[in-house]
Amino acid sequence: MRDRVRKLSLKKGDVVFRPGQDCPGFVSLTRGTIKVSLTAANGREVVLYRVTPGAVCLQTMACLIEGRPYAAEGIAETDIEGELVPVAAFQDRLGTDADFRDTVFRSIVHRFAEFERLIEDVALTGFDARLARVLLRLADDTGQVTATHESLAAETASGRAFVSRRLAEMARLGLVEPGRGAVRILDRARLEQIAAEER
């Protein structure tokens, strides 16, 4: 049946949704991460947010409420598992299940707060602080950031060439060690100081 909740299981790198696609329903993750991004006509990408278990995808909510197709792309950043609640079932549950409705609304409020921080970072924060925050957020326990300059540009809403120049300067100062498809953090304390700077 079309209104039956279906299991969702995708591998890392799989497309969850793409621009122009109709929304099949509400995605509820139990494991993994979906990266949601916009890509301009010139190929420049900007990461909007990530969907993790318990979080709501604003793109999906807009599609469900307004009946319009997706405007952004969602990629499984890791293997993901969860449920896909068809549109009719989602609308029924939203109207009859108070706990579900409260969970959805709280998640939407949290997501908008993340958007406010993104806008603040882009408009009011210096680039080095933005880059430092991204490096710290993406680093594993050993200080290794597995990311290309292009993907770091998408994370910081900037250009690849600018990211490369700033990483080279950070390397000159002994803060990081850029490598092929990765960056190693050498001075975490100083990077945290830069991340805390407003301009």
Protein backbone atom coordinates (compact mmCIF):
# COMPACT_ATOMS: atom_id res chain seq x y z
CA MET A 1 0.00 0.00 0.00
CA ARG A 2 1.16 3.52 -0.82
CA ASP A 3 0.25 4.82 2.66
CA ARG A 4 2.31 2.21 4.49
CA VAL A 5 5.50 3.26 6.28
CA ARG A 6 8.51 1.80 4.46
CA LYS A 7 11.99 1.02 5.68
CA LEU A 8 14.73 3.27 4.31
CA SER A 9 18.23 1.88 3.85
CA LEU A 10 20.87 3.58 1.68
CA LYS A 11 24.62 3.36 1.30
CA LYS A 12 27.12 6.18 1.73
CA GLY A 13 27.09 8.37 -1.37
CA ASP A 14 23.58 7.41 -2.47
CA VAL A 15 21.24 10.24 -3.52
CA VAL A 16 18.33 10.59 -1.09
CA PHE A 17 16.66 13.38 -3.08
CA ARG A 18 17.62 15.81 -5.84
CA PRO A 19 16.32 19.14 -7.20
CA GLY A 20 13.05 18.81 -9.12
CA GLN A 21 12.11 15.51 -7.47
CA ASP A 22 8.69 15.17 -5.82
CA CYS A 23 8.74 14.38 -2.11
CA PRO A 24 7.79 10.74 -1.44
CA GLY A 25 7.22 11.36 2.27
CA PHE A 26 8.73 12.21 5.64
CA VAL A 27 12.19 10.76 6.29
CA SER A 28 12.84 9.66 9.87
CA LEU A 29 16.45 8.53 10.39
CA THR A 30 17.49 5.99 13.00
CA ARG A 31 21.13 5.83 11.89
CA GLY A 32 23.47 7.90 9.75
CA THR A 33 23.67 11.39 8.26
CA ILE A 34 22.22 13.10 5.18
CA LYS A 35 24.09 16.14 3.81
CA VAL A 36 21.76 18.71 2.22
CA SER A 37 23.29 21.19 -0.22
CA LEU A 38 22.53 23.63 -3.02
CA THR A 39 24.53 23.74 -6.24
CA ALA A 40 24.57 26.85 -8.45
CA ALA A 41 24.59 26.79 -12.25
CA ASN A 42 28.36 27.42 -12.18
CA GLY A 43 28.85 24.26 -10.10
CA ARG A 44 29.56 25.99 -6.79
CA GLU A 45 28.10 24.06 -3.87
CA VAL A 46 26.97 25.29 -0.45
CA VAL A 47 26.18 22.88 2.38
CA LEU A 48 22.94 23.98 4.05
CA TYR A 49 22.73 21.49 6.92
CA ARG A 50 22.90 17.83 7.87
CA VAL A 51 20.04 15.57 8.89
CA THR A 52 20.78 13.17 11.73
CA PRO A 53 18.51 10.85 13.76
CA GLY A 54 15.78 12.91 15.42
CA ALA A 55 16.32 15.91 13.14
CA VAL A 56 13.95 17.27 10.50
CA CYS A 57 14.89 18.11 6.91
CA LEU A 58 13.50 21.57 6.11
CA GLN A 59 13.55 20.79 2.40
CA THR A 60 11.31 17.80 3.00
CA MET A 61 8.99 19.76 5.29
CA ALA A 62 8.58 22.51 2.69
CA CYS A 63 7.80 19.91 0.05
CA LEU A 64 5.29 18.11 2.28
CA ILE A 65 3.47 21.28 3.32
CA GLU A 66 3.52 23.17 0.01
CA GLY A 67 3.46 20.20 -2.37
CA ARG A 68 6.43 21.52 -4.35
CA PRO A 69 9.46 19.53 -5.55
CA TYR A 70 12.83 19.55 -3.86
CA ALA A 71 15.10 22.52 -4.53
CA ALA A 72 18.26 21.04 -2.98
CA GLU A 73 20.13 17.75 -3.01
CA GLY A 74 20.35 15.25 -0.18
CA ILE A 75 23.24 12.78 -0.17
CA ALA A 76 23.79 9.94 2.30
CA GLU A 77 27.01 11.09 3.97
CA THR A 78 27.19 7.72 5.74
CA ASP A 79 25.19 4.53 5.43
CA ILE A 80 21.69 5.46 6.60
CA GLU A 81 18.70 3.62 7.98
CA GLY A 82 15.27 4.85 8.94
CA GLU A 83 11.68 5.06 7.81
CA LEU A 84 9.87 6.79 5.00
CA VAL A 85 6.41 7.93 6.08
CA PRO A 86 4.20 8.54 2.99
CA VAL A 87 2.65 12.01 2.60
CA ALA A 88 -0.90 11.00 3.57
CA ALA A 89 0.29 9.03 6.60
CA PHE A 90 2.54 11.92 7.68
CA GLN A 91 -0.29 14.45 7.46
CA ASP A 92 -2.62 12.15 9.40
CA ARG A 93 -0.02 11.54 12.09
CA LEU A 94 0.78 15.24 12.36
CA GLY A 95 -2.91 15.93 13.00
CA THR A 96 -3.61 13.12 15.45
CA ASP A 97 -0.35 12.35 17.29
CA ALA A 98 0.50 15.19 19.68
CA ASP A 99 3.89 13.74 20.66
CA PHE A 100 4.90 13.33 17.02
CA ARG A 101 3.72 16.87 16.22
CA ASP A 102 5.67 18.34 19.15
CA THR A 103 8.82 16.44 18.12
CA VAL A 104 8.53 17.72 14.54
CA PHE A 105 7.93 21.33 15.60
CA ARG A 106 10.80 21.30 18.10
CA SER A 107 13.11 19.94 15.42
CA ILE A 108 11.99 22.66 12.99
CA VAL A 109 12.75 25.36 15.57
CA HIS A 110 16.20 23.81 16.13
CA ARG A 111 16.84 23.71 12.38
CA PHE A 112 15.91 27.39 11.97
CA ALA A 113 18.34 28.24 14.78
CA GLU A 114 21.05 26.44 12.78
CA PHE A 115 20.14 28.53 9.73
CA GLU A 116 20.44 31.71 11.79
CA ARG A 117 23.93 30.62 12.84
CA LEU A 118 24.83 29.86 9.21
CA ILE A 119 23.70 33.32 8.09
CA GLU A 120 25.54 34.91 11.01
CA ASP A 121 28.71 33.01 10.12
CA VAL A 122 28.59 34.04 6.46
CA ALA A 123 27.55 37.66 7.04
CA LEU A 124 29.21 38.59 10.32
CA THR A 125 32.14 36.24 10.91
CA GLY A 126 35.60 36.47 9.36
CA PHE A 127 36.54 33.69 6.97
CA ASP A 128 39.41 32.29 9.04
CA ALA A 129 37.02 31.83 11.98
CA ARG A 130 34.51 30.06 9.71
CA LEU A 131 37.19 27.79 8.29
CA ALA A 132 38.58 27.01 11.74
CA ARG A 133 35.10 26.07 13.00
CA VAL A 134 34.55 23.74 10.06
CA LEU A 135 37.94 22.07 10.51
CA LEU A 136 37.29 21.53 14.21
CA ARG A 137 33.79 20.19 13.56
CA LEU A 138 34.91 17.74 10.86
CA ALA A 139 38.09 16.54 12.62
CA ASP A 140 38.24 13.02 14.03
CA ASP A 141 39.79 12.15 17.40
CA THR A 142 43.30 12.30 15.92
CA GLY A 143 42.83 15.76 14.39
CA GLN A 144 42.45 14.42 10.86
CA VAL A 145 39.92 16.15 8.58
CA THR A 146 39.06 14.02 5.55
CA ALA A 147 37.92 16.69 3.09
CA THR A 148 39.07 18.22 -0.18
CA HIS A 149 39.53 21.97 -0.60
CA GLU A 150 36.40 21.90 -2.75
CA SER A 151 34.30 20.29 -0.03
CA LEU A 152 35.69 22.74 2.55
CA ALA A 153 34.63 25.56 0.22
CA ALA A 154 31.09 24.12 0.21
CA GLU A 155 31.12 23.91 4.01
CA THR A 156 32.23 27.56 4.35
CA ALA A 157 30.14 29.05 1.49
CA SER A 158 33.29 30.23 -0.29
CA GLY A 159 35.50 29.41 -3.27
CA ARG A 160 38.02 26.58 -3.51
CA ALA A 161 40.92 28.89 -4.43
CA PHE A 162 40.27 31.06 -1.36
CA VAL A 163 40.15 28.00 0.91
CA SER A 164 43.47 26.82 -0.56
CA ARG A 165 45.11 30.20 0.11
CA ARG A 166 43.89 30.37 3.70
CA LEU A 167 44.92 26.75 4.40
CA ALA A 168 48.37 27.53 3.02
CA GLU A 169 48.61 30.50 5.40
CA MET A 170 47.43 28.36 8.33
CA ALA A 171 50.06 25.79 7.38
CA ARG A 172 52.74 28.51 7.29
CA LEU A 173 51.73 29.44 10.85
CA GLY A 174 51.98 25.81 11.97
CA LEU A 175 48.26 25.37 12.64
CA VAL A 176 47.48 22.68 10.08
CA GLU A 177 49.16 20.34 7.65
CA PRO A 178 47.27 20.09 4.33
CA GLY A 179 47.47 16.81 2.45
CA ARG A 180 45.80 15.13 -0.49
CA GLY A 181 42.08 15.06 0.31
CA ALA A 182 42.76 15.75 3.99
CA VAL A 183 43.96 18.30 6.52
CA ARG A 184 45.65 17.46 9.82
CA ILE A 185 45.19 19.85 12.73
CA LEU A 186 48.55 20.55 14.41
CA ASP A 187 47.62 23.31 16.89
CA ARG A 188 44.06 22.71 18.10
CA ALA A 189 44.22 25.32 20.87
CA ARG A 190 45.17 28.12 18.49
CA LEU A 191 42.57 26.97 15.96
CA GLU A 192 39.93 27.12 18.71
CA GLN A 193 41.02 30.69 19.47
CA ILE A 194 40.59 31.65 15.81
CA ALA A 195 37.21 29.89 15.70
CA ALA A 196 36.01 32.01 18.61
CA GLU A 197 36.88 35.30 16.88
CA GLU A 198 33.95 37.29 15.46
CA ARG A 199 35.82 39.00 12.60
